[in-house]
C-alpha atoms as a PDB file:
ATOM      1  CA  MET A   1       0.000   0.000   0.000  1.00  0.00           C
ATOM      2  CA  ASN A   2       1.276   3.477  -0.852  1.00  0.00           C
ATOM      3  CA  ILE A   3       0.694   6.109   1.795  1.00  0.00           C
ATOM      4  CA  ALA A   4       0.772   9.890   1.888  1.00  0.00           C
ATOM      5  CA  VAL A   5       2.838  11.376   4.704  1.00  0.00           C
ATOM      6  CA  PHE A   6       1.826  14.691   6.301  1.00  0.00           C
ATOM      7  CA  ASP A   7       4.506  16.423   8.375  1.00  0.00           C
ATOM      8  CA  THR A   8       2.771  17.944  11.421  1.00  0.00           C
ATOM      9  CA  HIS A   9       3.955  20.387  14.099  1.00  0.00           C
ATOM     10  CA  VAL A  10       1.891  21.618  17.067  1.00  0.00           C
ATOM     11  CA  VAL A  11       2.909  23.813  19.994  1.00  0.00           C
ATOM     12  CA  ARG A  12       1.849  22.099  23.192  1.00  0.00           C
ATOM     13  CA  PRO A  13       0.335  24.024  26.136  1.00  0.00           C
ATOM     14  CA  ASP A  14       3.708  23.702  27.922  1.00  0.00           C
ATOM     15  CA  GLY A  15       5.415  25.477  24.992  1.00  0.00           C
ATOM     16  CA  ARG A  16       7.234  22.442  23.600  1.00  0.00           C
ATOM     17  CA  LYS A  17       6.959  21.888  19.859  1.00  0.00           C
ATOM     18  CA  MET A  18       5.377  18.529  19.083  1.00  0.00           C
ATOM     19  CA  HIS A  19       6.322  16.857  15.774  1.00  0.00           C
ATOM     20  CA  PHE A  20       4.568  13.843  14.272  1.00  0.00           C
ATOM     21  CA  ASP A  21       3.631  12.439  10.882  1.00  0.00           C
ATOM     22  CA  ILE A  22       0.062  11.580   9.890  1.00  0.00           C
ATOM     23  CA  LEU A  23      -0.083   8.690   7.418  1.00  0.00           C
ATOM     24  CA  VAL A  24      -3.087   8.026   5.163  1.00  0.00           C
ATOM     25  CA  ARG A  25      -3.770   6.003   2.029  1.00  0.00           C
ATOM     26  CA  ASP A  26      -2.437   7.559  -1.151  1.00  0.00           C
ATOM     27  CA  ARG A  27      -5.887   8.167  -2.623  1.00  0.00           C
ATOM     28  CA  ALA A  28      -7.301  11.539  -3.560  1.00  0.00           C
ATOM     29  CA  ASN A  29     -10.150  11.494  -1.028  1.00  0.00           C
ATOM     30  CA  ASP A  30      -7.898  10.341   1.842  1.00  0.00           C
ATOM     31  CA  LYS A  31      -5.445  13.162   1.174  1.00  0.00           C
ATOM     32  CA  GLU A  32      -8.057  15.902   1.564  1.00  0.00           C
ATOM     33  CA  GLN A  33      -6.701  18.326   4.126  1.00  0.00           C
ATOM     34  CA  SER A  34      -9.877  18.291   6.239  1.00  0.00           C
ATOM     35  CA  ILE A  35      -9.714  14.493   6.640  1.00  0.00           C
ATOM     36  CA  VAL A  36      -6.029  14.561   7.553  1.00  0.00           C
ATOM     37  CA  LEU A  37      -6.595  17.371  10.056  1.00  0.00           C
ATOM     38  CA  GLU A  38      -9.425  15.410  11.676  1.00  0.00           C
ATOM     39  CA  HIS A  39      -7.079  12.433  12.115  1.00  0.00           C
ATOM     40  CA  GLY A  40      -4.554  14.771  13.743  1.00  0.00           C
ATOM     41  CA  ARG A  41      -7.202  16.159  16.075  1.00  0.00           C
ATOM     42  CA  ARG A  42      -8.250  12.626  17.097  1.00  0.00           C
ATOM     43  CA  TYR A  43      -4.613  11.776  17.861  1.00  0.00           C
ATOM     44  CA  LEU A  44      -4.100  14.951  19.903  1.00  0.00           C
ATOM     45  CA  ALA A  45      -7.348  14.406  21.820  1.00  0.00           C
ATOM     46  CA  ALA A  46      -6.199  10.887  22.729  1.00  0.00           C
ATOM     47  CA  LYS A  47      -3.002  12.472  24.094  1.00  0.00           C
ATOM     48  CA  GLY A  48      -5.003  15.046  26.084  1.00  0.00           C
ATOM     49  CA  ILE A  49      -3.541  17.920  24.064  1.00  0.00           C
ATOM     50  CA  PRO A  50      -5.849  20.696  22.791  1.00  0.00           C
ATOM     51  CA  ALA A  51      -6.146  20.496  19.016  1.00  0.00           C
ATOM     52  CA  SER A  52      -7.318  24.070  18.556  1.00  0.00           C
ATOM     53  CA  HIS A  53      -3.986  25.110  17.024  1.00  0.00           C
ATOM     54  CA  LEU A  54      -3.866  22.338  14.406  1.00  0.00           C
ATOM     55  CA  THR A  55      -4.510  23.887  10.996  1.00  0.00           C
ATOM     56  CA  ALA A  56      -3.295  23.309   7.463  1.00  0.00           C
ATOM     57  CA  SER A  57      -0.261  25.482   8.151  1.00  0.00           C
ATOM     58  CA  GLU A  58       0.878  22.996  10.837  1.00  0.00           C
ATOM     59  CA  CYS A  59       0.063  19.903   8.779  1.00  0.00           C
ATOM     60  CA  ARG A  60       1.549  19.736   5.281  1.00  0.00           C
ATOM     61  CA  PHE A  61       1.796  17.009   2.680  1.00  0.00           C
ATOM     62  CA  CYS A  62       5.382  15.749   2.638  1.00  0.00           C
ATOM     63  CA  HIS A  63       5.774  12.702   0.391  1.00  0.00           C
ATOM     64  CA  ILE A  64       4.500   9.273  -0.717  1.00  0.00           C
ATOM     65  CA  GLU A  65       6.066   6.028   0.504  1.00  0.00           C
ATOM     66  CA  THR A  66       5.327   2.326   0.839  1.00  0.00           C
ATOM     67  CA  ALA A  67       3.738   1.358   4.151  1.00  0.00           C
ATOM     68  CA  SER A  68       5.214  -1.247   6.474  1.00  0.00           C
ATOM     69  CA  PRO A  69       2.884  -4.146   7.385  1.00  0.00           C
ATOM     70  CA  GLN A  70       2.251  -2.606  10.829  1.00  0.00           C
ATOM     71  CA  VAL A  71       1.350   0.805   9.385  1.00  0.00           C
ATOM     72  CA  GLU A  72      -0.814  -0.787   6.709  1.00  0.00           C
ATOM     73  CA  ALA A  73      -2.734  -2.745   9.376  1.00  0.00           C
ATOM     74  CA  GLU A  74      -3.286   0.393  11.471  1.00  0.00           C
ATOM     75  CA  ILE A  75      -4.504   2.399   8.457  1.00  0.00           C
ATOM     76  CA  ASN A  76      -6.865  -0.440   7.498  1.00  0.00           C
ATOM     77  CA  GLU A  77      -8.256  -0.456  11.052  1.00  0.00           C
ATOM     78  CA  THR A  78      -8.510   3.282  11.843  1.00  0.00           C
ATOM     79  CA  GLY A  79      -8.029   5.105   8.532  1.00  0.00           C
ATOM     80  CA  PHE A  80      -4.702   6.626   9.560  1.00  0.00           C
ATOM     81  CA  ALA A  81      -1.462   6.007  11.439  1.00  0.00           C
ATOM     82  CA  ILE A  82       0.829   8.294  13.411  1.00  0.00           C
ATOM     83  CA  ILE A  83       4.597   8.306  13.613  1.00  0.00           C
ATOM     84  CA  GLU A  84       5.668  10.170  16.757  1.00  0.00           C
ATOM     85  CA  LEU A  85       8.873  12.127  16.158  1.00  0.00           C
ATOM     86  CA  LYS A  86       9.398  14.743  18.918  1.00  0.00           C
ATOM     87  CA  ASN A  87       7.752  15.723  22.221  1.00  0.00           C
ATOM     88  CA  CYS A  88       4.788  13.362  21.756  1.00  0.00           C
ATOM     89  CA  ASP A  89       4.944  11.927  25.285  1.00  0.00           C
END
């Protein structure tokens, strides 16, 4: 499965800059910015972080790549996957 990767940065309430990637299927409807942003908001809500600052300027299409089996399974189950990169704890 090919996936679209969206590079995402959010400033946390404590001031630290959070960096994560949102991964979705590489299909036109799954790459719509509103869908990707909703996935990001769901992820942030699960972390207990306000998602009010997540907009298109913080979440930008980066590239296409081939998904690993684990990522593919997560996307099939939830519609998206997250790769935590910095300050996501």
